[in-house]
Amino acid sequence: MEDHKTVPAAKTGKNAESYNGSYRDIIEKLHEEKERLENDIRQEYRNARKYVRSHPEEGLAYAFLGGVLAGFILAKMLSR
């Protein structure tokens, strides 16, 4: 009877080691993907900042129009 108890324990140990290895692989892949995404986002942020710095009048125009639109909406809501 003791033989039956030890055999599954040995198999479980091997399976646990293979699971740990596959989990490590998955974690490593996720870490690499995270680094890649961080680099992509950082590059996109730099590009957006360069664009805004080279076209400040567009940003000012959009901010002005957004303020006018928000003011109009608030005025309509408060006039009821």
N, C-alpha and C. Protein backbone atom coordinates (compact mmCIF):
# COMPACT_ATOMS: atom_id res chain seq x y z
N MET A 1 0.81 -1.19 0.00
CA MET A 1 0.00 0.00 0.00
C MET A 1 0.85 1.25 0.00
N GLU A 2 2.00 1.19 0.64
CA GLU A 2 2.87 2.36 0.68
C GLU A 2 3.42 2.68 -0.70
N ASP A 3 3.56 1.64 -1.54
CA ASP A 3 4.06 1.87 -2.89
C ASP A 3 3.12 2.78 -3.68
N HIS A 4 1.83 2.60 -3.47
CA HIS A 4 0.86 3.41 -4.20
C HIS A 4 0.92 4.87 -3.76
N LYS A 5 1.26 5.10 -2.51
CA LYS A 5 1.32 6.47 -2.02
C LYS A 5 2.57 7.18 -2.51
N THR A 6 3.67 6.47 -2.67
CA THR A 6 4.92 7.12 -3.06
C THR A 6 4.98 7.39 -4.56
N VAL A 7 4.36 6.57 -5.36
CA VAL A 7 4.42 6.74 -6.80
C VAL A 7 3.74 8.04 -7.23
N PRO A 8 2.53 8.33 -6.79
CA PRO A 8 1.93 9.61 -7.19
C PRO A 8 2.71 10.81 -6.66
N ALA A 9 3.32 10.68 -5.49
CA ALA A 9 4.10 11.79 -4.95
C ALA A 9 5.30 12.07 -5.85
N ALA A 10 5.93 11.03 -6.37
CA ALA A 10 7.07 11.21 -7.26
C ALA A 10 6.62 11.86 -8.57
N LYS A 11 5.51 11.43 -9.09
CA LYS A 11 4.99 12.02 -10.33
C LYS A 11 4.59 13.47 -10.10
N THR A 12 4.00 13.74 -8.95
CA THR A 12 3.59 15.10 -8.64
C THR A 12 4.81 16.01 -8.55
N GLY A 13 5.90 15.54 -8.00
CA GLY A 13 7.11 16.35 -7.91
C GLY A 13 7.65 16.70 -9.28
N LYS A 14 7.65 15.74 -10.19
CA LYS A 14 8.12 16.01 -11.54
C LYS A 14 7.18 16.98 -12.25
N ASN A 15 5.89 16.80 -12.07
CA ASN A 15 4.93 17.71 -12.69
C ASN A 15 5.06 19.11 -12.13
N ALA A 16 5.29 19.20 -10.82
CA ALA A 16 5.44 20.51 -10.20
C ALA A 16 6.67 21.22 -10.75
N GLU A 17 7.74 20.48 -10.97
CA GLU A 17 8.95 21.08 -11.53
C GLU A 17 8.70 21.56 -12.96
N SER A 18 7.97 20.77 -13.73
CA SER A 18 7.69 21.19 -15.11
C SER A 18 6.74 22.38 -15.14
N TYR A 19 5.79 22.42 -14.21
CA TYR A 19 4.91 23.58 -14.12
C TYR A 19 5.69 24.82 -13.73
N ASN A 20 6.58 24.68 -12.75
CA ASN A 20 7.39 25.83 -12.32
C ASN A 20 8.24 26.34 -13.48
N GLY A 21 8.79 25.45 -14.26
CA GLY A 21 9.59 25.87 -15.42
C GLY A 21 8.74 26.58 -16.45
N SER A 22 7.56 26.05 -16.71
CA SER A 22 6.70 26.70 -17.70
C SER A 22 6.18 28.03 -17.17
N TYR A 23 5.92 28.12 -15.87
CA TYR A 23 5.50 29.40 -15.28
C TYR A 23 6.63 30.42 -15.38
N ARG A 24 7.84 29.98 -15.15
CA ARG A 24 8.98 30.90 -15.28
C ARG A 24 9.11 31.40 -16.72
N ASP A 25 8.90 30.50 -17.67
CA ASP A 25 8.96 30.90 -19.08
C ASP A 25 7.87 31.92 -19.40
N ILE A 26 6.67 31.67 -18.90
CA ILE A 26 5.57 32.59 -19.16
C ILE A 26 5.84 33.94 -18.51
N ILE A 27 6.34 33.93 -17.28
CA ILE A 27 6.64 35.17 -16.58
C ILE A 27 7.73 35.94 -17.32
N GLU A 28 8.73 35.24 -17.81
CA GLU A 28 9.81 35.89 -18.56
C GLU A 28 9.27 36.51 -19.85
N LYS A 29 8.39 35.80 -20.56
CA LYS A 29 7.80 36.34 -21.78
C LYS A 29 6.95 37.57 -21.48
N LEU A 30 6.19 37.52 -20.39
CA LEU A 30 5.37 38.66 -20.00
C LEU A 30 6.25 39.86 -19.63
N HIS A 31 7.36 39.60 -18.97
CA HIS A 31 8.28 40.67 -18.61
C HIS A 31 8.86 41.33 -19.87
N GLU A 32 9.25 40.53 -20.84
CA GLU A 32 9.78 41.05 -22.09
C GLU A 32 8.71 41.86 -22.84
N GLU A 33 7.47 41.36 -22.84
CA GLU A 33 6.38 42.08 -23.50
C GLU A 33 6.11 43.41 -22.80
N LYS A 34 6.17 43.41 -21.47
CA LYS A 34 5.98 44.65 -20.71
C LYS A 34 7.04 45.68 -21.07
N GLU A 35 8.29 45.24 -21.16
CA GLU A 35 9.37 46.16 -21.52
C GLU A 35 9.18 46.71 -22.94
N ARG A 36 8.75 45.85 -23.85
CA ARG A 36 8.52 46.29 -25.23
C ARG A 36 7.40 47.33 -25.29
N LEU A 37 6.32 47.07 -24.56
CA LEU A 37 5.21 48.01 -24.55
C LEU A 37 5.60 49.34 -23.90
N GLU A 38 6.39 49.27 -22.82
CA GLU A 38 6.87 50.50 -22.18
C GLU A 38 7.69 51.33 -23.15
N ASN A 39 8.57 50.68 -23.90
CA ASN A 39 9.39 51.40 -24.88
C ASN A 39 8.53 52.00 -25.98
N ASP A 40 7.54 51.25 -26.46
CA ASP A 40 6.64 51.77 -27.51
C ASP A 40 5.86 52.98 -27.01
N ILE A 41 5.33 52.89 -25.80
CA ILE A 41 4.55 54.00 -25.25
C ILE A 41 5.43 55.21 -25.01
N ARG A 42 6.64 54.98 -24.52
CA ARG A 42 7.58 56.08 -24.29
C ARG A 42 7.90 56.80 -25.61
N GLN A 43 8.10 56.03 -26.67
CA GLN A 43 8.40 56.61 -27.98
C GLN A 43 7.20 57.40 -28.52
N GLU A 44 6.00 56.86 -28.37
CA GLU A 44 4.80 57.57 -28.82
C GLU A 44 4.60 58.86 -28.04
N TYR A 45 4.89 58.83 -26.75
CA TYR A 45 4.78 60.03 -25.93
C TYR A 45 5.76 61.11 -26.40
N ARG A 46 6.98 60.70 -26.70
CA ARG A 46 7.97 61.65 -27.21
C ARG A 46 7.53 62.26 -28.53
N ASN A 47 6.99 61.43 -29.42
CA ASN A 47 6.50 61.93 -30.71
C ASN A 47 5.35 62.91 -30.52
N ALA A 48 4.44 62.61 -29.59
CA ALA A 48 3.32 63.51 -29.35
C ALA A 48 3.81 64.84 -28.79
N ARG A 49 4.78 64.80 -27.88
CA ARG A 49 5.32 66.05 -27.32
C ARG A 49 5.99 66.89 -28.40
N LYS A 50 6.74 66.23 -29.29
CA LYS A 50 7.39 66.96 -30.38
C LYS A 50 6.34 67.63 -31.28
N TYR A 51 5.26 66.92 -31.57
CA TYR A 51 4.21 67.47 -32.43
C TYR A 51 3.54 68.67 -31.76
N VAL A 52 3.23 68.54 -30.48
CA VAL A 52 2.57 69.64 -29.78
C VAL A 52 3.49 70.85 -29.69
N ARG A 53 4.76 70.61 -29.47
CA ARG A 53 5.70 71.73 -29.41
C ARG A 53 5.87 72.41 -30.76
N SER A 54 5.78 71.66 -31.82
CA SER A 54 5.95 72.26 -33.15
C SER A 54 4.67 72.89 -33.68
N HIS A 55 3.50 72.58 -33.09
CA HIS A 55 2.21 73.14 -33.52
C HIS A 55 1.42 73.66 -32.32
N PRO A 56 1.92 74.68 -31.62
CA PRO A 56 1.21 75.15 -30.42
C PRO A 56 -0.12 75.84 -30.73
N GLU A 57 -0.24 76.42 -31.91
CA GLU A 57 -1.48 77.12 -32.24
C GLU A 57 -2.66 76.16 -32.34
N GLU A 58 -2.43 74.95 -32.81
CA GLU A 58 -3.51 73.96 -32.89
C GLU A 58 -3.99 73.57 -31.51
N GLY A 59 -3.06 73.35 -30.60
CA GLY A 59 -3.43 73.02 -29.23
C GLY A 59 -4.22 74.13 -28.57
N LEU A 60 -3.81 75.35 -28.79
CA LEU A 60 -4.51 76.50 -28.23
C LEU A 60 -5.91 76.61 -28.83
N ALA A 61 -6.04 76.38 -30.12
CA ALA A 61 -7.35 76.46 -30.78
C ALA A 61 -8.29 75.37 -30.24
N TYR A 62 -7.78 74.15 -30.09
CA TYR A 62 -8.61 73.07 -29.56
C TYR A 62 -9.02 73.34 -28.12
N ALA A 63 -8.11 73.88 -27.32
CA ALA A 63 -8.44 74.20 -25.93
C ALA A 63 -9.51 75.29 -25.87
N PHE A 64 -9.39 76.30 -26.72
CA PHE A 64 -10.38 77.38 -26.75
C PHE A 64 -11.75 76.85 -27.16
N LEU A 65 -11.79 76.06 -28.23
CA LEU A 65 -13.07 75.50 -28.69
C LEU A 65 -13.68 74.57 -27.65
N GLY A 66 -12.86 73.79 -26.99
CA GLY A 66 -13.36 72.91 -25.92
C GLY A 66 -13.94 73.71 -24.77
N GLY A 67 -13.29 74.82 -24.41
CA GLY A 67 -13.80 75.68 -23.35
C GLY A 67 -15.11 76.33 -23.72
N VAL A 68 -15.22 76.78 -24.96
CA VAL A 68 -16.48 77.38 -25.42
C VAL A 68 -17.59 76.35 -25.41
N LEU A 69 -17.31 75.15 -25.89
CA LEU A 69 -18.31 74.09 -25.93
C LEU A 69 -18.73 73.69 -24.52
N ALA A 70 -17.77 73.54 -23.60
CA ALA A 70 -18.09 73.19 -22.22
C ALA A 70 -18.91 74.30 -21.56
N GLY A 71 -18.57 75.55 -21.83
CA GLY A 71 -19.33 76.67 -21.29
C GLY A 71 -20.76 76.69 -21.82
N PHE A 72 -20.92 76.42 -23.10
CA PHE A 72 -22.26 76.39 -23.70
C PHE A 72 -23.11 75.29 -23.07
N ILE A 73 -22.53 74.11 -22.92
CA ILE A 73 -23.26 72.99 -22.32
C ILE A 73 -23.64 73.30 -20.88
N LEU A 74 -22.72 73.85 -20.10
CA LEU A 74 -23.02 74.20 -18.71
C LEU A 74 -24.09 75.28 -18.63
N ALA A 75 -24.04 76.25 -19.52
CA ALA A 75 -25.05 77.31 -19.53
C ALA A 75 -26.43 76.74 -19.83
N LYS A 76 -26.52 75.79 -20.75
CA LYS A 76 -27.80 75.16 -21.08
C LYS A 76 -28.31 74.34 -19.91
N MET A 77 -27.41 73.63 -19.24
CA MET A 77 -27.82 72.79 -18.11
C MET A 77 -28.28 73.65 -16.93
N LEU A 78 -27.64 74.75 -16.67
CA LEU A 78 -27.97 75.58 -15.51
C LEU A 78 -29.16 76.51 -15.77
N SER A 79 -29.52 76.73 -17.02
CA SER A 79 -30.63 77.63 -17.33
C SER A 79 -31.99 76.95 -17.16
N ARG A 80 -32.03 75.69 -16.95
CA ARG A 80 -33.30 74.96 -16.79
C ARG A 80 -33.91 75.21 -15.48
